[in-house]
Amino acid sequence: MNLRLKTVSEMGQLVVPLGKYLASRARGGKIPLAVTLSLTNRCNFRCVYCNVPDLAAGEMSTDEWLHAIDELAAAGMIRASVMGGEPLLRLDAGEIIRHLKRSGVHASMNSNGWLVEDRIEDVALLDVMCVSIDGPEAVHDTQRRKGSFRRAVRAIELSLSRGVNVVTMTVVTPKGRETIDYVLDMAKSMGFRAHFHLEHDADCDTNRPISPDIDDQGVRDLAELLLRRKEEGLPVGPSRAFLHALAERGRRLHSCDTCMASRYFCHVMPDGVVVPCLLTHKTPGAVSGREHGYLEALNQLPQPQALGCSCEPLQEMNMMLSFHPEVVLNAFGLTSRLH
């Protein structure tokens, strides 16, 4: 199936779930359309901007994760993002991906790429593979792990060779801010879309400062640079709508009380606790899906009351669920020249 037919097919598969979503919104209910599954907090890296490996959490067993997928899919989940830590540290990651696909769920994974060559048969099952790239080798390896840049590039090459759609995520730090054009040139030559977001708190607390070493003008400059590069036809992943909002509103696009997290998308922690998103994992009142059921945990989950964020994947999801036309089409790769 060619890319355009595949895209049309994927869009067609959304009709029934989106009908359920609209019905749920009309009655003030909740539905877990998109769910992030944090399989583990363990990681084989210690990135300079991330303390996730320090977050204490037990891990659910394979059977518990498969049961969680069954419950969430029955409740309306159509997209799942598998992450960690480093999700490929779990030997059952492939089995979990297979179960997502058997359940008719669009499956993506966030990975540092280190283990992809060893686990390519599992990775090849994915719809989307997101590999972290922070810039040229010297910058990337300094921020993440020595030798990790070459492994990440190899992960991208292998994933593309198996027909997996590849995107990258670049955490924009003061050092990495000057490497955006390098990443975009790499994306153009290799054939992937490059995403970027500001460095958030290492402990994933959205009430803490966001990129305090980049001033407000620096945030605007970042957004405007990416907008220019997108207009030039480079494979910039973020939508124009997100980039315009970042340029206009800065590092917090809106407060958490207006976010659709906890209503139409959510995050399952390694121990089965359901939270709005990783940045609000300290939300009081979060309930274990493993103990109470995942839809019940979502229904009991309070709306987070925090300062907000500019995390690109979360903000794009908010805009998509608001049916912003450019954001929806951008998600399907159909807006390369749309204005």
Protein backbone atom coordinates (compact mmCIF):
# COMPACT_ATOMS: atom_id res chain seq x y z
CA MET A 1 0.00 0.00 0.00
CA ASN A 2 1.52 3.35 -0.97
CA LEU A 3 1.89 6.15 1.57
CA ARG A 4 -1.13 8.17 0.40
CA LEU A 5 -3.45 5.12 0.43
CA LYS A 6 -2.10 4.10 3.82
CA THR A 7 -2.82 7.59 5.15
CA VAL A 8 -6.38 7.55 3.79
CA SER A 9 -6.89 4.09 5.30
CA GLU A 10 -5.62 5.27 8.69
CA MET A 11 -7.91 8.30 8.58
CA GLY A 12 -10.85 6.06 7.73
CA GLN A 13 -10.15 3.89 10.75
CA LEU A 14 -10.66 6.94 12.98
CA VAL A 15 -14.31 7.48 12.03
CA VAL A 16 -15.92 5.21 14.64
CA PRO A 17 -13.55 6.14 17.53
CA LEU A 18 -13.98 9.84 16.82
CA GLY A 19 -17.74 9.37 16.87
CA LYS A 20 -17.37 7.90 20.35
CA TYR A 21 -15.12 10.82 21.29
CA LEU A 22 -17.68 13.39 20.17
CA ALA A 23 -20.44 11.57 22.03
CA SER A 24 -18.25 11.46 25.14
CA ARG A 25 -17.52 15.19 24.94
CA ALA A 26 -21.20 15.96 24.47
CA ARG A 27 -22.13 14.19 27.68
CA GLY A 28 -19.07 15.36 29.63
CA GLY A 29 -17.56 11.88 29.79
CA LYS A 30 -14.03 10.62 29.35
CA ILE A 31 -12.45 8.34 26.77
CA PRO A 32 -8.77 7.27 26.57
CA LEU A 33 -8.23 7.93 22.85
CA ALA A 34 -4.45 8.27 23.16
CA VAL A 35 -2.47 6.64 25.96
CA THR A 36 1.22 6.73 26.81
CA LEU A 37 2.44 3.47 28.32
CA SER A 38 5.56 3.91 30.45
CA LEU A 39 6.82 0.35 30.61
CA THR A 40 9.73 1.19 32.90
CA ASN A 41 11.62 4.07 34.47
CA ARG A 42 14.88 2.16 34.03
CA CYS A 43 17.27 3.56 31.45
CA ASN A 44 20.70 2.75 30.07
CA PHE A 45 21.42 6.49 29.74
CA ARG A 46 21.74 9.34 32.24
CA CYS A 47 20.85 12.34 30.11
CA VAL A 48 21.79 15.69 31.61
CA TYR A 49 18.19 16.95 31.53
CA CYS A 50 16.33 13.85 32.75
CA ASN A 51 15.87 12.30 36.19
CA VAL A 52 13.22 9.75 35.18
CA PRO A 53 15.50 6.82 36.15
CA ASP A 54 15.39 8.17 39.72
CA LEU A 55 11.59 7.99 39.91
CA ALA A 56 10.72 5.09 42.17
CA ALA A 57 8.18 2.73 40.62
CA GLY A 58 7.52 -0.96 40.48
CA GLU A 59 6.83 -2.46 37.07
CA MET A 60 3.81 -4.39 35.92
CA SER A 61 4.30 -7.87 34.53
CA THR A 62 3.79 -8.77 30.88
CA ASP A 63 0.33 -10.18 31.58
CA GLU A 64 -0.65 -7.05 33.50
CA TRP A 65 0.38 -4.84 30.58
CA LEU A 66 -1.52 -7.02 28.10
CA HIS A 67 -4.61 -6.80 30.32
CA ALA A 68 -4.20 -3.02 30.53
CA ILE A 69 -4.13 -2.84 26.73
CA ASP A 70 -7.29 -4.96 26.51
CA GLU A 71 -9.14 -2.66 28.90
CA LEU A 72 -7.94 0.55 27.30
CA ALA A 73 -8.66 -0.63 23.75
CA ALA A 74 -12.17 -1.67 24.77
CA ALA A 75 -12.65 1.80 26.29
CA GLY A 76 -11.65 3.57 23.07
CA MET A 77 -7.84 3.71 22.84
CA ILE A 78 -6.75 4.10 19.21
CA ARG A 79 -3.19 5.37 19.72
CA ALA A 80 -0.54 4.18 22.16
CA SER A 81 2.95 5.51 22.68
CA VAL A 82 5.35 3.12 24.41
CA MET A 83 8.13 4.77 26.38
CA GLY A 84 10.34 4.57 29.46
CA GLY A 85 13.01 5.15 30.70
CA GLU A 86 14.14 3.05 27.80
CA PRO A 87 11.30 0.67 26.85
CA LEU A 88 13.56 -1.78 24.98
CA LEU A 89 15.22 -2.68 28.29
CA ARG A 90 12.11 -4.78 28.83
CA LEU A 91 12.48 -8.10 27.04
CA ASP A 92 8.71 -8.26 26.57
CA ALA A 93 8.49 -4.96 24.66
CA GLY A 94 7.93 -6.85 21.42
CA GLU A 95 5.10 -8.88 22.91
CA ILE A 96 3.46 -5.70 24.17
CA ILE A 97 3.76 -4.07 20.73
CA ARG A 98 2.31 -7.17 19.08
CA HIS A 99 -0.66 -7.05 21.42
CA LEU A 100 -1.27 -3.40 20.62
CA LYS A 101 -1.33 -4.18 16.91
CA ARG A 102 -3.60 -7.21 17.39
CA SER A 103 -5.94 -4.86 19.25
CA GLY A 104 -6.07 -2.47 16.29
CA VAL A 105 -4.09 0.26 18.07
CA HIS A 106 -1.68 2.61 16.30
CA ALA A 107 1.63 1.96 18.09
CA SER A 108 4.64 4.23 18.45
CA MET A 109 7.73 4.07 20.64
CA ASN A 110 10.11 6.65 22.09
CA SER A 111 13.65 5.27 22.33
CA ASN A 112 17.24 6.42 22.64
CA GLY A 113 18.04 3.95 19.85
CA TRP A 114 20.85 2.11 21.66
CA LEU A 115 19.18 -1.31 21.55
CA VAL A 116 17.33 -1.04 18.25
CA GLU A 117 19.79 -3.11 16.22
CA ASP A 118 19.42 -5.99 18.69
CA ARG A 119 15.62 -5.62 18.77
CA ILE A 120 14.84 -4.68 15.17
CA GLU A 121 12.24 -7.45 14.76
CA ASP A 122 10.26 -5.89 17.60
CA VAL A 123 10.77 -2.34 16.33
CA ALA A 124 9.64 -3.36 12.84
CA LEU A 125 6.13 -3.95 14.23
CA LEU A 126 5.69 -0.27 15.08
CA ASP A 127 3.78 2.33 13.10
CA VAL A 128 6.14 5.08 14.28
CA MET A 129 9.57 5.02 15.87
CA CYS A 130 10.71 8.19 17.65
CA VAL A 131 14.47 8.36 18.20
CA SER A 132 16.13 11.03 20.32
CA ILE A 133 18.63 13.23 18.45
CA ASP A 134 20.06 16.26 20.25
CA GLY A 135 22.33 17.54 17.48
CA PRO A 136 25.76 16.68 16.06
CA GLU A 137 27.71 13.83 17.60
CA ALA A 138 29.65 15.97 20.09
CA VAL A 139 26.53 17.70 21.44
CA HIS A 140 24.39 14.56 21.43
CA ASP A 141 26.96 12.36 23.17
CA THR A 142 27.76 15.03 25.78
CA GLN A 143 24.10 15.42 26.73
CA ARG A 144 23.15 11.75 26.50
CA ARG A 145 25.87 9.04 26.40
CA LYS A 146 29.20 8.53 24.67
CA GLY A 147 28.70 6.56 21.48
CA SER A 148 24.94 7.14 21.47
CA PHE A 149 24.81 9.36 18.37
CA ARG A 150 26.08 6.66 16.04
CA ARG A 151 23.70 4.13 17.58
CA ALA A 152 20.80 6.54 17.14
CA VAL A 153 21.67 7.07 13.47
CA ARG A 154 21.88 3.30 12.99
CA ALA A 155 18.49 2.92 14.69
CA ILE A 156 16.98 5.41 12.25
CA GLU A 157 18.52 3.65 9.25
CA LEU A 158 17.34 0.21 10.35
CA SER A 159 13.83 1.38 11.20
CA LEU A 160 13.43 3.12 7.85
CA SER A 161 14.75 0.06 6.03
CA ARG A 162 11.96 -2.00 7.61
CA GLY A 163 9.25 0.43 6.51
CA VAL A 164 8.71 2.05 9.91
CA ASN A 165 7.83 5.74 9.89
CA VAL A 166 10.62 7.52 11.80
CA VAL A 167 10.52 10.83 13.61
CA THR A 168 13.10 12.32 15.93
CA MET A 169 12.75 14.39 19.08
CA THR A 170 15.32 17.03 19.93
CA VAL A 171 15.29 18.50 23.43
CA VAL A 172 16.29 22.13 22.92
CA THR A 173 18.87 23.11 25.52
CA PRO A 174 21.11 26.21 25.47
CA LYS A 175 23.81 24.08 23.80
CA GLY A 176 21.43 22.30 21.46
CA ARG A 177 19.63 25.44 20.31
CA GLU A 178 22.32 26.15 17.72
CA THR A 179 22.10 22.67 16.19
CA ILE A 180 18.55 22.80 14.80
CA ASP A 181 19.67 23.28 11.21
CA TYR A 182 22.02 20.32 11.56
CA VAL A 183 19.15 18.08 12.68
CA LEU A 184 16.90 19.34 9.87
CA ASP A 185 19.59 18.70 7.25
CA MET A 186 19.97 15.22 8.67
CA ALA A 187 16.20 14.70 8.53
CA LYS A 188 16.02 15.83 4.91
CA SER A 189 18.87 13.57 3.79
CA MET A 190 17.71 10.48 5.71
CA GLY A 191 13.95 10.83 5.24
CA PHE A 192 12.36 11.53 8.62
CA ARG A 193 10.50 14.40 10.30
CA ALA A 194 12.26 16.23 13.12
CA HIS A 195 10.40 17.39 16.22
CA PHE A 196 11.68 19.83 18.83
CA HIS A 197 10.60 20.87 22.29
CA LEU A 198 11.98 22.96 25.10
CA GLU A 199 13.86 21.36 27.97
CA HIS A 200 11.37 20.78 30.79
CA ASP A 201 12.08 19.96 34.43
CA ALA A 202 14.35 16.94 34.93
CA ASP A 203 11.98 15.57 37.58
CA CYS A 204 8.99 16.02 35.26
CA ASP A 205 7.26 18.63 37.40
CA THR A 206 5.36 21.12 35.27
CA ASN A 207 5.28 23.66 38.12
CA ARG A 208 9.07 23.99 37.92
CA PRO A 209 10.76 26.43 35.51
CA ILE A 210 10.83 25.48 31.82
CA SER A 211 14.17 26.06 30.08
CA PRO A 212 15.25 28.79 32.55
CA ASP A 213 18.56 29.25 30.69
CA ILE A 214 16.74 30.31 27.50
CA ASP A 215 15.13 33.75 27.77
CA ASP A 216 11.72 34.68 26.38
CA GLN A 217 13.22 36.12 23.21
CA GLY A 218 15.13 32.87 22.76
CA VAL A 219 11.86 30.92 22.88
CA ARG A 220 10.33 33.21 20.25
CA ASP A 221 13.46 32.94 18.12
CA LEU A 222 13.25 29.14 18.27
CA ALA A 223 9.61 29.09 17.17
CA GLU A 224 10.18 31.62 14.39
CA LEU A 225 13.24 29.74 13.10
CA LEU A 226 11.25 26.50 12.89
CA LEU A 227 8.39 28.30 11.14
CA ARG A 228 10.81 29.67 8.55
CA ARG A 229 12.36 26.28 7.98
CA LYS A 230 8.92 24.70 7.62
CA GLU A 231 7.97 27.29 5.00
CA GLU A 232 11.21 26.48 3.19
CA GLY A 233 10.02 22.89 2.87
CA LEU A 234 12.32 21.28 5.43
CA PRO A 235 10.87 18.31 7.38
CA VAL A 236 9.92 20.22 10.55
CA GLY A 237 7.59 17.98 12.55
CA PRO A 238 5.66 20.48 14.72
CA SER A 239 2.58 22.03 13.17
CA ARG A 240 2.46 25.68 12.22
CA ALA A 241 -0.32 26.16 14.76
CA PHE A 242 1.89 24.91 17.60
CA LEU A 243 4.85 27.00 16.48
CA HIS A 244 2.73 30.16 16.19
CA ALA A 245 1.37 29.52 19.70
CA LEU A 246 4.89 29.01 21.06
CA ALA A 247 6.04 32.27 19.47
CA GLU A 248 3.06 34.20 20.83
CA ARG A 249 2.55 32.65 24.29
CA GLY A 250 6.01 31.45 25.23
CA ARG A 251 6.99 28.51 27.35
CA ARG A 252 3.54 27.87 28.86
CA LEU A 253 0.86 27.70 26.18
CA HIS A 254 -1.98 27.45 28.72
CA SER A 255 -2.57 26.22 32.26
CA CYS A 256 -3.20 22.56 32.97
CA ASP A 257 -6.83 23.09 33.97
CA THR A 258 -7.77 23.59 30.31
CA CYS A 259 -5.70 20.67 29.00
CA MET A 260 -7.48 17.59 27.63
CA ALA A 261 -5.08 15.31 29.50
CA SER A 262 -7.02 13.32 32.11
CA ARG A 263 -10.10 13.47 29.88
CA TYR A 264 -9.20 12.22 26.40
CA PHE A 265 -5.58 11.21 26.74
CA CYS A 266 -3.56 9.98 29.69
CA HIS A 267 -0.38 8.29 30.85
CA VAL A 268 0.02 4.90 32.54
CA MET A 269 3.02 4.74 34.85
CA PRO A 270 5.15 1.56 35.14
CA ASP A 271 3.21 0.42 38.22
CA GLY A 272 -0.20 0.93 36.58
CA VAL A 273 -1.10 4.28 38.14
CA VAL A 274 -3.00 6.48 35.67
CA VAL A 275 -1.90 10.13 35.55
CA PRO A 276 -2.77 12.96 33.13
CA CYS A 277 0.75 13.08 31.65
CA LEU A 278 4.32 12.50 32.76
CA LEU A 279 4.74 16.19 33.62
CA THR A 280 1.81 15.95 36.05
CA HIS A 281 2.64 12.54 37.49
CA LYS A 282 2.48 14.05 41.00
CA THR A 283 -1.21 14.95 40.56
CA PRO A 284 -2.99 14.18 43.88
CA GLY A 285 -5.73 11.59 43.65
CA ALA A 286 -4.25 9.47 40.85
CA VAL A 287 -5.65 5.92 40.94
CA SER A 288 -4.10 2.57 40.02
CA GLY A 289 -5.61 1.04 36.90
CA ARG A 290 -4.12 -2.29 37.89
CA GLU A 291 -6.19 -2.27 41.09
CA HIS A 292 -9.37 -0.47 40.02
CA GLY A 293 -9.52 -0.86 36.24
CA TYR A 294 -8.15 1.62 33.74
CA LEU A 295 -11.38 3.30 32.68
CA GLU A 296 -12.37 3.69 36.32
CA ALA A 297 -8.93 5.14 37.09
CA LEU A 298 -9.37 7.64 34.25
CA ASN A 299 -12.87 8.54 35.40
CA GLN A 300 -11.59 9.21 38.93
CA LEU A 301 -8.54 11.16 37.75
CA PRO A 302 -8.84 14.84 38.72
CA GLN A 303 -7.97 17.59 36.28
CA PRO A 304 -4.41 18.71 37.05
CA GLN A 305 -4.07 22.17 38.56
CA ALA A 306 -0.63 23.26 37.46
CA LEU A 307 1.07 26.04 35.53
CA GLY A 308 1.11 24.33 32.15
CA CYS A 309 3.77 23.45 29.60
CA SER A 310 4.95 23.80 26.03
CA CYS A 311 5.60 20.07 25.53
CA GLU A 312 5.05 19.67 21.80
CA PRO A 313 3.42 16.20 21.73
CA LEU A 314 0.94 17.15 24.47
CA GLN A 315 0.06 20.50 22.95
CA GLU A 316 -0.33 19.03 19.47
CA MET A 317 -2.72 16.44 20.95
CA ASN A 318 -4.80 19.22 22.51
CA MET A 319 -5.02 20.99 19.16
CA MET A 320 -5.81 17.79 17.29
CA LEU A 321 -8.65 16.94 19.66
CA SER A 322 -9.97 20.45 19.07
CA PHE A 323 -10.03 19.58 15.34
CA HIS A 324 -7.60 22.29 14.31
CA PRO A 325 -7.44 21.47 10.57
CA GLU A 326 -3.75 22.20 10.01
CA VAL A 327 -2.74 20.19 13.08
CA VAL A 328 -4.85 17.20 12.01
CA LEU A 329 -3.43 17.21 8.49
CA ASN A 330 0.11 17.79 9.80
CA ALA A 331 -0.22 14.66 11.92
CA PHE A 332 -0.89 12.67 8.75
CA GLY A 333 1.98 14.31 6.88
CA LEU A 334 -0.32 16.10 4.45
CA THR A 335 0.60 19.74 5.09
CA SER A 336 4.04 20.18 3.59
CA ARG A 337 2.86 23.26 1.70
CA LEU A 338 -0.47 24.04 3.43
CA HIS A 339 -0.91 27.64 4.60
